[in-house]
């Protein structure tokens, strides 16, 4: 896995917007509005699963062959209404218990993937900062080396000028009058 030194960070408001949008979509998906001419679920008992599930508010129980209103208040139908293994909602071939397990596993995988992505982004950001720090340190070191070279070069020029005009001192602490 390679990390780029440049990490794009999104503002918290973008994440809030995405969360609110997902919440609105799930709320609207969970509250279906029945068509005005639909028959109540109880009238479709002792028929087939396909007929019962034509109405999205209905729940089909295989053992009792009853078509009942989905218990919206309890989110999941209780065993007294219909055991989860025998409950069908939405699709006749899809076991309600398997549906719940599958959705839970997928949600868990998505959450783990998001956490892994967040950790990788943080790690890449730290690596990027470390690279920037190392580059700044290298530039500072080069700048100091160039400054040191310029100082020694300037010192050599000053010494040459002193030698040329006979101002060189053997003893750096001797007074200039003595020469």
C-alpha atoms as a PDB file:
ATOM      1  CA  UNK A   1       0.000   0.000   0.000  1.00  0.00           C
ATOM      2  CA  UNK A   2       1.430   3.331  -1.019  1.00  0.00           C
ATOM      3  CA  UNK A   3       0.466   6.566   0.615  1.00  0.00           C
ATOM      4  CA  UNK A   4       0.613   9.833  -1.200  1.00  0.00           C
ATOM      5  CA  UNK A   5       2.157  12.735   0.607  1.00  0.00           C
ATOM      6  CA  UNK A   6      -0.885  14.826  -0.190  1.00  0.00           C
ATOM      7  CA  UNK A   7      -3.969  13.723   1.752  1.00  0.00           C
ATOM      8  CA  UNK A   8      -7.384  15.140   0.968  1.00  0.00           C
ATOM      9  CA  UNK A   9      -9.325  15.895   4.113  1.00  0.00           C
ATOM     10  CA  UNK A  10     -13.060  16.418   4.036  1.00  0.00           C
ATOM     11  CA  UNK A  11     -14.769  18.835   6.325  1.00  0.00           C
ATOM     12  CA  UNK A  12     -16.998  17.523   9.120  1.00  0.00           C
ATOM     13  CA  UNK A  13     -19.959  19.227   7.467  1.00  0.00           C
ATOM     14  CA  UNK A  14     -19.561  16.937   4.433  1.00  0.00           C
ATOM     15  CA  UNK A  15     -19.772  13.855   6.652  1.00  0.00           C
ATOM     16  CA  UNK A  16     -22.806  15.268   8.464  1.00  0.00           C
ATOM     17  CA  UNK A  17     -24.479  15.908   5.108  1.00  0.00           C
ATOM     18  CA  UNK A  18     -23.790  12.331   3.977  1.00  0.00           C
ATOM     19  CA  UNK A  19     -25.112  10.898   7.257  1.00  0.00           C
ATOM     20  CA  UNK A  20     -28.283  12.987   7.103  1.00  0.00           C
ATOM     21  CA  UNK A  21     -28.816  12.021   3.456  1.00  0.00           C
ATOM     22  CA  UNK A  22     -28.424   8.322   4.277  1.00  0.00           C
ATOM     23  CA  UNK A  23     -30.802   8.712   7.212  1.00  0.00           C
ATOM     24  CA  UNK A  24     -33.445  10.356   5.039  1.00  0.00           C
ATOM     25  CA  UNK A  25     -33.098   7.660   2.398  1.00  0.00           C
ATOM     26  CA  UNK A  26     -33.446   4.849   4.960  1.00  0.00           C
ATOM     27  CA  UNK A  27     -36.398   6.524   6.684  1.00  0.00           C
ATOM     28  CA  UNK A  28     -38.233   6.982   3.417  1.00  0.00           C
ATOM     29  CA  UNK A  29     -37.382   3.423   2.411  1.00  0.00           C
ATOM     30  CA  UNK A  30     -38.701   2.035   5.736  1.00  0.00           C
ATOM     31  CA  UNK A  31     -42.012   3.899   5.696  1.00  0.00           C
ATOM     32  CA  UNK A  32     -43.763   2.768   2.543  1.00  0.00           C
ATOM     33  CA  UNK A  33     -47.043   4.415   1.709  1.00  0.00           C
ATOM     34  CA  UNK A  34     -49.632   1.852   0.708  1.00  0.00           C
ATOM     35  CA  UNK A  35     -51.614   2.447  -2.406  1.00  0.00           C
ATOM     36  CA  UNK A  36     -55.186   3.578  -1.757  1.00  0.00           C
ATOM     37  CA  UNK A  37     -56.758   0.436  -3.246  1.00  0.00           C
ATOM     38  CA  UNK A  38     -54.667  -2.201  -1.392  1.00  0.00           C
ATOM     39  CA  UNK A  39     -56.466  -4.824   0.608  1.00  0.00           C
ATOM     40  CA  UNK A  40     -55.615  -5.430   4.268  1.00  0.00           C
ATOM     41  CA  UNK A  41     -53.073  -8.155   4.976  1.00  0.00           C
ATOM     42  CA  UNK A  42     -55.478 -10.278   7.050  1.00  0.00           C
ATOM     43  CA  UNK A  43     -57.692 -10.853   3.994  1.00  0.00           C
ATOM     44  CA  UNK A  44     -54.772 -12.497   2.179  1.00  0.00           C
ATOM     45  CA  UNK A  45     -54.314 -15.265   4.792  1.00  0.00           C
ATOM     46  CA  UNK A  46     -54.569 -18.865   3.561  1.00  0.00           C
ATOM     47  CA  UNK A  47     -53.474 -17.739   0.081  1.00  0.00           C
ATOM     48  CA  UNK A  48     -49.915 -17.820  -1.238  1.00  0.00           C
ATOM     49  CA  UNK A  49     -46.812 -16.025  -0.088  1.00  0.00           C
ATOM     50  CA  UNK A  50     -46.557 -14.159  -3.397  1.00  0.00           C
ATOM     51  CA  UNK A  51     -50.083 -12.746  -3.060  1.00  0.00           C
ATOM     52  CA  UNK A  52     -49.446 -11.690   0.545  1.00  0.00           C
ATOM     53  CA  UNK A  53     -46.153  -9.962  -0.166  1.00  0.00           C
ATOM     54  CA  UNK A  54     -47.571  -7.879  -3.004  1.00  0.00           C
ATOM     55  CA  UNK A  55     -48.368  -5.407  -0.225  1.00  0.00           C
ATOM     56  CA  UNK A  56     -45.077  -4.230   1.294  1.00  0.00           C
ATOM     57  CA  UNK A  57     -46.657  -3.791   4.735  1.00  0.00           C
ATOM     58  CA  UNK A  58     -47.494  -7.507   4.979  1.00  0.00           C
ATOM     59  CA  UNK A  59     -45.518 -10.322   6.589  1.00  0.00           C
ATOM     60  CA  UNK A  60     -46.057 -13.955   5.572  1.00  0.00           C
ATOM     61  CA  UNK A  61     -45.699 -16.744   8.120  1.00  0.00           C
ATOM     62  CA  UNK A  62     -45.038 -20.128   6.493  1.00  0.00           C
ATOM     63  CA  UNK A  63     -46.086 -22.360   9.416  1.00  0.00           C
ATOM     64  CA  UNK A  64     -49.455 -20.728  10.014  1.00  0.00           C
ATOM     65  CA  UNK A  65     -49.963 -19.600   6.376  1.00  0.00           C
ATOM     66  CA  UNK A  66     -51.118 -16.247   7.695  1.00  0.00           C
ATOM     67  CA  UNK A  67     -50.618 -12.890   6.125  1.00  0.00           C
ATOM     68  CA  UNK A  68     -50.304 -10.276   8.869  1.00  0.00           C
ATOM     69  CA  UNK A  69     -49.425  -6.602   9.143  1.00  0.00           C
ATOM     70  CA  UNK A  70     -45.705  -6.133   9.719  1.00  0.00           C
ATOM     71  CA  UNK A  71     -45.198  -5.222  13.413  1.00  0.00           C
ATOM     72  CA  UNK A  72     -43.523  -1.850  12.787  1.00  0.00           C
ATOM     73  CA  UNK A  73     -43.433  -0.876  16.471  1.00  0.00           C
ATOM     74  CA  UNK A  74     -41.208  -3.797  17.481  1.00  0.00           C
ATOM     75  CA  UNK A  75     -38.948  -3.594  14.380  1.00  0.00           C
ATOM     76  CA  UNK A  76     -38.477  -7.377  14.392  1.00  0.00           C
ATOM     77  CA  UNK A  77     -41.503  -9.677  14.598  1.00  0.00           C
ATOM     78  CA  UNK A  78     -41.648 -11.548  17.897  1.00  0.00           C
ATOM     79  CA  UNK A  79     -41.802 -15.344  18.076  1.00  0.00           C
ATOM     80  CA  UNK A  80     -45.422 -15.147  19.180  1.00  0.00           C
ATOM     81  CA  UNK A  81     -46.303 -13.492  15.856  1.00  0.00           C
ATOM     82  CA  UNK A  82     -44.121 -15.763  13.723  1.00  0.00           C
ATOM     83  CA  UNK A  83     -40.708 -17.397  14.272  1.00  0.00           C
ATOM     84  CA  UNK A  84     -37.957 -15.626  12.328  1.00  0.00           C
ATOM     85  CA  UNK A  85     -37.088 -18.803  10.392  1.00  0.00           C
ATOM     86  CA  UNK A  86     -40.629 -18.962   9.027  1.00  0.00           C
ATOM     87  CA  UNK A  87     -41.197 -15.240   8.470  1.00  0.00           C
ATOM     88  CA  UNK A  88     -41.019 -13.840   4.955  1.00  0.00           C
ATOM     89  CA  UNK A  89     -41.026 -10.142   4.115  1.00  0.00           C
ATOM     90  CA  UNK A  90     -40.371  -8.622   0.733  1.00  0.00           C
ATOM     91  CA  UNK A  91     -39.373 -11.867  -0.989  1.00  0.00           C
ATOM     92  CA  UNK A  92     -40.859 -15.337  -0.487  1.00  0.00           C
ATOM     93  CA  UNK A  93     -37.602 -17.170  -1.055  1.00  0.00           C
ATOM     94  CA  UNK A  94     -35.649 -15.052   1.472  1.00  0.00           C
ATOM     95  CA  UNK A  95     -35.702 -16.235   5.073  1.00  0.00           C
ATOM     96  CA  UNK A  96     -36.180 -13.232   7.400  1.00  0.00           C
ATOM     97  CA  UNK A  97     -33.521 -14.503   9.812  1.00  0.00           C
ATOM     98  CA  UNK A  98     -30.990 -14.856   6.982  1.00  0.00           C
ATOM     99  CA  UNK A  99     -31.947 -11.380   5.767  1.00  0.00           C
ATOM    100  CA  UNK A 100     -31.222  -9.911   9.211  1.00  0.00           C
ATOM    101  CA  UNK A 101     -27.913 -11.772   9.521  1.00  0.00           C
ATOM    102  CA  UNK A 102     -26.823 -10.775   6.009  1.00  0.00           C
ATOM    103  CA  UNK A 103     -27.679  -7.113   6.521  1.00  0.00           C
ATOM    104  CA  UNK A 104     -25.884  -7.140   9.907  1.00  0.00           C
ATOM    105  CA  UNK A 105     -22.750  -8.707   8.421  1.00  0.00           C
ATOM    106  CA  UNK A 106     -22.726  -6.265   5.504  1.00  0.00           C
ATOM    107  CA  UNK A 107     -23.191  -3.324   7.868  1.00  0.00           C
ATOM    108  CA  UNK A 108     -20.316  -4.638  10.020  1.00  0.00           C
ATOM    109  CA  UNK A 109     -18.065  -5.009   6.984  1.00  0.00           C
ATOM    110  CA  UNK A 110     -18.881  -1.486   5.836  1.00  0.00           C
ATOM    111  CA  UNK A 111     -18.166  -0.063   9.294  1.00  0.00           C
ATOM    112  CA  UNK A 112     -14.859  -1.944   9.510  1.00  0.00           C
ATOM    113  CA  UNK A 113     -13.917  -0.769   6.003  1.00  0.00           C
ATOM    114  CA  UNK A 114     -14.652   2.835   6.951  1.00  0.00           C
ATOM    115  CA  UNK A 115     -12.555   2.506  10.122  1.00  0.00           C
ATOM    116  CA  UNK A 116      -9.668   0.952   8.172  1.00  0.00           C
ATOM    117  CA  UNK A 117      -9.845   3.760   5.603  1.00  0.00           C
ATOM    118  CA  UNK A 118      -9.822   6.365   8.368  1.00  0.00           C
ATOM    119  CA  UNK A 119      -6.804   4.715  10.014  1.00  0.00           C
ATOM    120  CA  UNK A 120      -4.962   4.527   6.689  1.00  0.00           C
ATOM    121  CA  UNK A 121      -5.688   8.184   5.978  1.00  0.00           C
ATOM    122  CA  UNK A 122      -4.395   9.178   9.410  1.00  0.00           C
ATOM    123  CA  UNK A 123      -1.302   7.043   8.896  1.00  0.00           C
ATOM    124  CA  UNK A 124      -0.694   8.565   5.455  1.00  0.00           C
ATOM    125  CA  UNK A 125      -1.130  12.024   6.905  1.00  0.00           C
ATOM    126  CA  UNK A 126       1.441  11.263   9.618  1.00  0.00           C
ATOM    127  CA  UNK A 127       3.845   9.885   7.022  1.00  0.00           C
ATOM    128  CA  UNK A 128       3.320  13.011   4.906  1.00  0.00           C
ATOM    129  CA  UNK A 129       4.008  15.250   7.889  1.00  0.00           C
ATOM    130  CA  UNK A 130       7.112  13.227   8.718  1.00  0.00           C
ATOM    131  CA  UNK A 131       8.359  13.611   5.132  1.00  0.00           C
ATOM    132  CA  UNK A 132       7.725  17.360   5.262  1.00  0.00           C
ATOM    133  CA  UNK A 133       9.600  17.614   8.563  1.00  0.00           C
ATOM    134  CA  UNK A 134      12.539  15.643   7.176  1.00  0.00           C
ATOM    135  CA  UNK A 135      12.615  17.829   4.055  1.00  0.00           C
ATOM    136  CA  UNK A 136      12.555  21.022   6.123  1.00  0.00           C
ATOM    137  CA  UNK A 137      15.340  19.656   8.322  1.00  0.00           C
ATOM    138  CA  UNK A 138      17.413  18.787   5.235  1.00  0.00           C
ATOM    139  CA  UNK A 139      16.876  22.286   3.802  1.00  0.00           C
ATOM    140  CA  UNK A 140      17.886  23.867   7.116  1.00  0.00           C
ATOM    141  CA  UNK A 141      21.036  21.748   7.207  1.00  0.00           C
ATOM    142  CA  UNK A 142      21.933  22.696   3.614  1.00  0.00           C
ATOM    143  CA  UNK A 143      21.316  26.369   4.366  1.00  0.00           C
ATOM    144  CA  UNK A 144      23.617  26.191   7.419  1.00  0.00           C
ATOM    145  CA  UNK A 145      26.325  24.425   5.382  1.00  0.00           C
ATOM    146  CA  UNK A 146      26.164  27.087   2.647  1.00  0.00           C
ATOM    147  CA  UNK A 147      26.305  29.832   5.288  1.00  0.00           C
ATOM    148  CA  UNK A 148      29.334  28.179   6.903  1.00  0.00           C
ATOM    149  CA  UNK A 149      31.069  27.917   3.519  1.00  0.00           C
ATOM    150  CA  UNK A 150      30.341  31.599   2.777  1.00  0.00           C
ATOM    151  CA  UNK A 151      31.726  32.618   6.184  1.00  0.00           C
ATOM    152  CA  UNK A 152      34.953  30.674   5.688  1.00  0.00           C
ATOM    153  CA  UNK A 153      35.269  32.089   2.154  1.00  0.00           C
ATOM    154  CA  UNK A 154      34.729  35.618   3.480  1.00  0.00           C
ATOM    155  CA  UNK A 155      37.267  34.997   6.247  1.00  0.00           C
ATOM    156  CA  UNK A 156      39.811  33.845   3.655  1.00  0.00           C
ATOM    157  CA  UNK A 157      39.223  36.993   1.571  1.00  0.00           C
ATOM    158  CA  UNK A 158      39.660  39.194   4.653  1.00  0.00           C
ATOM    159  CA  UNK A 159      42.885  37.378   5.550  1.00  0.00           C
ATOM    160  CA  UNK A 160      44.182  37.877   1.965  1.00  0.00           C
ATOM    161  CA  UNK A 161      43.400  41.592   2.146  1.00  0.00           C
ATOM    162  CA  UNK A 162      45.146  41.878   5.536  1.00  0.00           C
ATOM    163  CA  UNK A 163      48.190  40.040   4.161  1.00  0.00           C
ATOM    164  CA  UNK A 164      48.237  42.262   1.072  1.00  0.00           C
ATOM    165  CA  UNK A 165      48.295  45.437   3.121  1.00  0.00           C
ATOM    166  CA  UNK A 166      50.527  44.016   5.847  1.00  0.00           C
ATOM    167  CA  UNK A 167      47.890  43.997   8.527  1.00  0.00           C
ATOM    168  CA  UNK A 168      48.058  40.298   9.281  1.00  0.00           C
ATOM    169  CA  UNK A 169      48.565  39.480  12.888  1.00  0.00           C
ATOM    170  CA  UNK A 170      50.534  36.534  14.074  1.00  0.00           C
ATOM    171  CA  UNK A 171      49.024  36.959  17.475  1.00  0.00           C
ATOM    172  CA  UNK A 172      45.345  37.732  17.124  1.00  0.00           C
ATOM    173  CA  UNK A 173      45.443  39.425  20.545  1.00  0.00           C
ATOM    174  CA  UNK A 174      48.317  41.776  19.747  1.00  0.00           C
ATOM    175  CA  UNK A 175      47.499  45.441  19.311  1.00  0.00           C
ATOM    176  CA  UNK A 176      47.627  46.865  15.847  1.00  0.00           C
ATOM    177  CA  UNK A 177      50.005  49.640  17.044  1.00  0.00           C
ATOM    178  CA  UNK A 178      52.816  47.158  17.616  1.00  0.00           C
ATOM    179  CA  UNK A 179      53.251  46.316  13.938  1.00  0.00           C
END
